Amino acid sequence: MVDENPEAEPELQLANVGERLRTEREKQGLTLQDVAKESRIPLRHLQTMEADKFADLPGRTYAFGFTRSYAKLLGLDQDEFVEQVHSELDAQEPDKPTRPANFEPGDPARVPSARLGWLAVVVVIALLIAGFVFLKPIYAPSGELPSLTEQEQAQQAAEQRATASAERPATQTRDGSAAQGPVVFTAMEDQVWVKFYDGDGQQLMQKIMSKGESYTVPADAEDPQIWTGRPDALSITIGGKNVPRLADDDMVIRDMKISAAALLARDNADNSASPSQ
């Protein structure tokens, strides 16, 4: 009787994400131009991905979002490829401290138990505060009523801001007409990643905008700025009036001021620099 005791076959080492995407694309008879047209991912980013240089993309948000779109186009497991990109980026940047991103489309790392734990803590704290507020009159009926000083100060500050906004002079457009009102950015294409933040670096909004989706810059934002890789795909209006886009080509811009005054000053400067007809 032959004793069959075959040795376990070693696990095959998976190819990197870029090689797997390229192999499947070629297997389906697609060119990079075909993928760029269908997925709306710039050709140079596709070349970077297939070279497995995900760290060279503008950010992890791009790496995860583009990988998910590419895998979906090829009919592959999107979550599996995004998770592998996670692993490869962590391996390439071992000394970089990990911190949760504000928005990472397709990020498969989720920890439901931790969220539930924090939610439970918040609920307990809220119940304790509510109990203290509602039960205090029972145990101390003669206690003093809360002071209204803070509320009055907050109300006065809001009124002062409103008055200052109303008295602020209107900015002139290139045709000499006064422009005032909200600054609105609208995506003209799908998958336009953009981040808005104020002069102190506090985030106002960050996401991948869909075609036709708009974002209004808060009127009280101090020195609002923008960071995006598709300024050519964002239309801008001030008080309903169109102003020029931030760029005519896809490129990474960062820390560009986008207040009404800054946008119109830029518009007027461009208009003055152009030759007269």
Protein backbone atom coordinates (compact mmCIF):
# COMPACT_ATOMS: atom_id res chain seq x y z
CA MET A 1 0.00 0.00 0.00
CA VAL A 2 1.47 3.32 -1.08
CA ASP A 3 1.54 5.99 1.62
CA GLU A 4 0.31 9.14 -0.11
CA ASN A 5 1.42 12.18 1.82
CA PRO A 6 1.89 14.93 -0.78
CA GLU A 7 3.43 18.12 0.44
CA ALA A 8 1.11 21.11 0.53
CA GLU A 9 1.58 23.29 -2.50
CA PRO A 10 2.87 26.76 -1.63
CA GLU A 11 0.38 29.57 -2.11
CA LEU A 12 0.87 31.44 -5.33
CA GLN A 13 1.96 35.02 -4.85
CA LEU A 14 -0.68 37.32 -6.29
CA ALA A 15 0.50 39.77 -8.91
CA ASN A 16 0.33 43.44 -8.04
CA VAL A 17 -2.83 45.41 -8.77
CA GLY A 18 -1.44 47.20 -11.81
CA GLU A 19 -0.33 43.96 -13.47
CA ARG A 20 -3.67 42.27 -12.75
CA LEU A 21 -5.60 45.19 -14.25
CA ARG A 22 -3.39 45.31 -17.34
CA THR A 23 -3.59 41.54 -17.87
CA GLU A 24 -7.39 41.51 -17.63
CA ARG A 25 -7.67 44.57 -19.91
CA GLU A 26 -5.54 42.92 -22.60
CA LYS A 27 -7.46 39.67 -22.17
CA GLN A 28 -10.68 41.56 -22.98
CA GLY A 29 -9.08 43.23 -25.99
CA LEU A 30 -9.30 46.76 -24.59
CA THR A 31 -6.77 49.55 -25.02
CA LEU A 32 -5.93 52.17 -22.41
CA GLN A 33 -7.76 54.69 -24.59
CA ASP A 34 -10.88 52.51 -24.42
CA VAL A 35 -10.70 52.36 -20.63
CA ALA A 36 -10.09 56.11 -20.34
CA LYS A 37 -13.13 56.83 -22.50
CA GLU A 38 -15.47 54.49 -20.64
CA SER A 39 -14.27 55.19 -17.08
CA ARG A 40 -13.47 58.91 -17.53
CA ILE A 41 -10.12 58.31 -15.80
CA PRO A 42 -7.34 60.40 -17.41
CA LEU A 43 -4.99 58.32 -19.56
CA ARG A 44 -1.88 59.32 -17.60
CA HIS A 45 -3.49 58.11 -14.35
CA LEU A 46 -4.32 54.75 -15.98
CA GLN A 47 -0.68 54.41 -17.05
CA THR A 48 0.41 55.21 -13.49
CA MET A 49 -1.96 52.57 -12.10
CA GLU A 50 -0.84 49.83 -14.48
CA ALA A 51 2.77 50.66 -13.55
CA ASP A 52 1.66 49.99 -9.95
CA LYS A 53 2.66 53.49 -8.85
CA PHE A 54 -0.50 54.28 -6.88
CA ALA A 55 1.49 56.44 -4.47
CA ASP A 56 2.17 58.85 -7.38
CA LEU A 57 -1.55 59.66 -7.75
CA PRO A 58 -2.74 62.96 -6.19
CA GLY A 59 -3.93 61.11 -3.07
CA ARG A 60 -5.30 57.88 -1.64
CA THR A 61 -8.80 59.06 -2.49
CA TYR A 62 -7.86 58.96 -6.16
CA ALA A 63 -6.13 55.60 -5.77
CA PHE A 64 -9.18 53.91 -4.23
CA GLY A 65 -11.77 55.63 -6.44
CA PHE A 66 -9.92 54.99 -9.72
CA THR A 67 -9.22 51.37 -8.76
CA ARG A 68 -12.89 50.76 -8.01
CA SER A 69 -13.96 52.30 -11.34
CA TYR A 70 -11.32 50.36 -13.33
CA ALA A 71 -12.21 47.04 -11.66
CA LYS A 72 -15.94 47.66 -12.20
CA LEU A 73 -15.37 48.34 -15.92
CA LEU A 74 -13.51 45.03 -16.27
CA GLY A 75 -16.12 43.10 -14.28
CA LEU A 76 -13.71 42.33 -11.43
CA ASP A 77 -14.24 42.25 -7.65
CA GLN A 78 -14.03 45.94 -6.72
CA ASP A 79 -13.61 45.42 -2.97
CA GLU A 80 -10.80 42.89 -3.47
CA PHE A 81 -8.80 45.26 -5.67
CA VAL A 82 -9.33 48.25 -3.37
CA GLU A 83 -8.18 46.17 -0.40
CA GLN A 84 -5.04 45.12 -2.29
CA VAL A 85 -4.30 48.77 -3.12
CA HIS A 86 -4.65 49.50 0.60
CA SER A 87 -2.06 46.83 1.39
CA GLU A 88 0.35 47.94 -1.32
CA LEU A 89 0.21 51.60 -0.27
CA ASP A 90 0.76 50.66 3.38
CA ALA A 91 3.75 48.55 2.37
CA GLN A 92 5.22 51.39 0.29
CA GLU A 93 4.77 53.89 3.13
CA PRO A 94 5.46 51.88 6.33
CA ASP A 95 6.53 54.92 8.36
CA LYS A 96 3.56 57.06 7.44
CA PRO A 97 1.10 57.29 10.38
CA THR A 98 -2.31 55.97 9.46
CA ARG A 99 -5.28 58.18 10.13
CA PRO A 100 -8.87 57.86 8.97
CA ALA A 101 -9.56 59.75 5.76
CA ASN A 102 -12.49 62.15 5.63
CA PHE A 103 -13.67 60.52 2.44
CA GLU A 104 -12.26 57.48 0.66
CA PRO A 105 -14.67 56.07 -1.92
CA GLY A 106 -14.59 52.32 -1.97
CA ASP A 107 -12.53 51.99 1.21
CA PRO A 108 -13.38 48.47 2.49
CA ALA A 109 -11.89 48.97 5.97
CA ARG A 110 -14.79 49.24 8.34
CA VAL A 111 -14.96 48.59 12.05
CA PRO A 112 -18.66 48.37 12.98
CA SER A 113 -17.97 47.31 16.56
CA ALA A 114 -15.92 50.44 17.27
CA ARG A 115 -18.62 52.66 15.80
CA LEU A 116 -21.25 51.00 17.90
CA GLY A 117 -19.06 51.43 20.95
CA TRP A 118 -18.63 55.16 20.36
CA LEU A 119 -22.33 55.51 19.63
CA ALA A 120 -23.14 53.85 22.94
CA VAL A 121 -20.80 56.25 24.76
CA VAL A 122 -22.46 59.27 23.10
CA VAL A 123 -25.93 57.98 24.00
CA VAL A 124 -24.93 57.45 27.64
CA ILE A 125 -23.46 60.95 27.89
CA ALA A 126 -26.58 62.46 26.30
CA LEU A 127 -28.80 60.60 28.78
CA LEU A 128 -26.71 61.82 31.72
CA ILE A 129 -26.90 65.42 30.54
CA ALA A 130 -30.65 65.16 29.94
CA GLY A 131 -31.17 63.62 33.37
CA PHE A 132 -29.20 66.38 35.04
CA VAL A 133 -31.13 69.12 33.24
CA PHE A 134 -34.60 67.72 33.84
CA LEU A 135 -34.07 66.36 37.36
CA LYS A 136 -32.23 69.39 38.75
CA PRO A 137 -35.46 71.37 39.49
CA ILE A 138 -36.71 68.42 41.58
CA TYR A 139 -33.66 68.38 43.84
CA ALA A 140 -32.96 72.14 43.73
CA PRO A 141 -36.26 73.92 43.00
CA SER A 142 -34.91 77.21 44.29
CA GLY A 143 -31.88 77.15 42.02
CA GLU A 144 -31.21 80.15 39.83
CA LEU A 145 -32.33 80.18 36.22
CA PRO A 146 -29.51 79.88 33.67
CA SER A 147 -28.02 83.17 32.55
CA LEU A 148 -29.03 84.48 29.13
CA THR A 149 -25.78 86.39 28.68
CA GLU A 150 -24.18 83.85 26.34
CA GLN A 151 -27.32 83.60 24.22
CA GLU A 152 -27.56 87.38 23.96
CA GLN A 153 -23.90 87.64 22.97
CA ALA A 154 -24.32 84.96 20.30
CA GLN A 155 -27.41 86.71 18.93
CA GLN A 156 -25.62 90.08 18.82
CA ALA A 157 -22.64 88.51 17.02
CA ALA A 158 -24.97 86.99 14.41
CA GLU A 159 -26.71 90.34 13.88
CA GLN A 160 -23.34 92.08 13.46
CA ARG A 161 -22.22 89.55 10.86
CA ALA A 162 -25.48 89.97 8.96
CA THR A 163 -25.13 93.76 9.04
CA ALA A 164 -21.51 93.63 7.86
CA SER A 165 -22.48 91.31 5.02
CA ALA A 166 -25.31 93.62 3.93
CA GLU A 167 -23.03 96.69 4.02
CA ARG A 168 -20.16 94.99 2.17
CA PRO A 169 -19.65 96.67 -1.21
CA ALA A 170 -20.51 94.62 -4.26
CA THR A 171 -17.65 93.39 -6.44
CA GLN A 172 -17.51 94.52 -10.05
CA THR A 173 -17.55 92.00 -12.90
CA ARG A 174 -15.58 92.47 -16.12
CA ASP A 175 -18.58 94.17 -17.78
CA GLY A 176 -18.83 96.69 -14.93
CA SER A 177 -21.97 95.27 -13.34
CA ALA A 178 -22.11 94.61 -9.60
CA ALA A 179 -21.85 90.94 -8.63
CA GLN A 180 -22.90 89.63 -5.27
CA GLY A 181 -24.41 86.47 -3.96
CA PRO A 182 -23.26 82.92 -3.30
CA VAL A 183 -20.30 81.26 -5.01
CA VAL A 184 -21.48 77.97 -6.52
CA PHE A 185 -19.34 75.20 -8.04
CA THR A 186 -21.06 72.67 -10.35
CA ALA A 187 -19.51 69.46 -11.69
CA MET A 188 -19.75 69.19 -15.48
CA GLU A 189 -18.52 65.56 -15.47
CA ASP A 190 -18.77 62.50 -13.24
CA GLN A 191 -16.16 61.56 -10.60
CA VAL A 192 -14.80 65.06 -9.95
CA TRP A 193 -12.92 64.94 -6.62
CA VAL A 194 -12.80 68.27 -4.80
CA LYS A 195 -12.05 69.57 -1.32
CA PHE A 196 -13.12 72.96 0.05
CA TYR A 197 -11.58 74.42 3.20
CA ASP A 198 -11.07 77.79 4.91
CA GLY A 199 -7.93 79.81 5.56
CA ASP A 200 -7.27 77.91 8.80
CA GLY A 201 -7.32 74.56 6.98
CA GLN A 202 -10.72 73.58 8.40
CA GLN A 203 -12.57 71.38 5.92
CA LEU A 204 -15.83 72.70 4.50
CA MET A 205 -16.62 69.80 2.14
CA GLN A 206 -14.75 66.93 0.44
CA LYS A 207 -16.22 64.35 -1.92
CA ILE A 208 -16.31 63.01 -5.48
CA MET A 209 -19.03 65.03 -7.19
CA SER A 210 -21.36 63.58 -9.80
CA LYS A 211 -22.21 65.35 -13.04
CA GLY A 212 -24.64 68.22 -12.34
CA GLU A 213 -23.99 68.19 -8.58
CA SER A 214 -23.39 71.62 -7.04
CA TYR A 215 -21.77 72.98 -3.89
CA THR A 216 -22.34 76.47 -2.47
CA VAL A 217 -19.41 77.99 -0.59
CA PRO A 218 -20.66 79.14 2.85
CA ALA A 219 -21.04 82.92 2.96
CA ASP A 220 -19.37 83.10 6.38
CA ALA A 221 -16.33 80.99 5.40
CA GLU A 222 -13.09 82.87 6.07
CA ASP A 223 -10.74 82.90 3.06
CA PRO A 224 -12.28 79.80 1.36
CA GLN A 225 -9.92 77.73 -0.81
CA ILE A 226 -10.06 74.70 -3.11
CA TRP A 227 -8.01 71.56 -3.86
CA THR A 228 -8.90 69.41 -6.90
CA GLY A 229 -7.41 67.55 -9.81
CA ARG A 230 -10.19 68.51 -12.26
CA PRO A 231 -10.56 72.31 -12.23
CA ASP A 232 -11.53 72.11 -15.90
CA ALA A 233 -14.65 70.10 -14.99
CA LEU A 234 -16.04 72.65 -12.50
CA SER A 235 -18.22 75.54 -13.62
CA ILE A 236 -18.49 78.57 -11.31
CA THR A 237 -21.20 81.15 -10.74
CA ILE A 238 -21.35 84.15 -8.42
CA GLY A 239 -24.86 85.25 -7.64
CA GLY A 240 -26.06 83.25 -10.65
CA LYS A 241 -23.54 84.85 -13.05
CA ASN A 242 -20.97 82.65 -14.76
CA VAL A 243 -17.27 83.30 -14.21
CA PRO A 244 -14.34 81.53 -15.94
CA ARG A 245 -13.24 78.08 -14.77
CA LEU A 246 -10.09 77.79 -12.65
CA ALA A 247 -8.26 75.99 -15.49
CA ASP A 248 -8.92 74.73 -19.00
CA ASP A 249 -7.09 71.39 -18.53
CA ASP A 250 -7.14 68.69 -15.87
CA MET A 251 -4.39 69.50 -13.39
CA VAL A 252 -3.91 69.47 -9.63
CA ILE A 253 -4.53 72.85 -8.00
CA ARG A 254 -4.31 73.49 -4.29
CA ASP A 255 -4.78 76.42 -1.89
CA MET A 256 -6.47 78.50 -4.60
CA LYS A 257 -8.67 81.22 -3.11
CA ILE A 258 -12.31 81.05 -4.24
CA SER A 259 -14.09 83.92 -2.50
CA ALA A 260 -16.22 86.08 -4.79
CA ALA A 261 -13.66 88.88 -4.59
CA ALA A 262 -10.74 86.53 -5.37
CA LEU A 263 -12.50 84.90 -8.33
CA LEU A 264 -13.56 88.22 -9.84
CA ALA A 265 -10.14 89.77 -9.29
CA ARG A 266 -8.65 86.80 -11.13
CA ASP A 267 -11.24 87.19 -13.89
CA ASN A 268 -10.53 90.92 -14.27
CA ALA A 269 -6.77 90.28 -14.31
CA ASP A 270 -7.16 87.69 -17.08
CA ASN A 271 -9.39 90.06 -19.03
CA SER A 272 -6.88 92.92 -18.74
CA ALA A 273 -4.04 90.66 -19.89
CA SER A 274 -5.90 89.49 -23.01
CA PRO A 275 -5.40 91.61 -26.21
CA SER A 276 -8.28 93.84 -27.23
CA GLN A 277 -10.24 92.86 -30.27
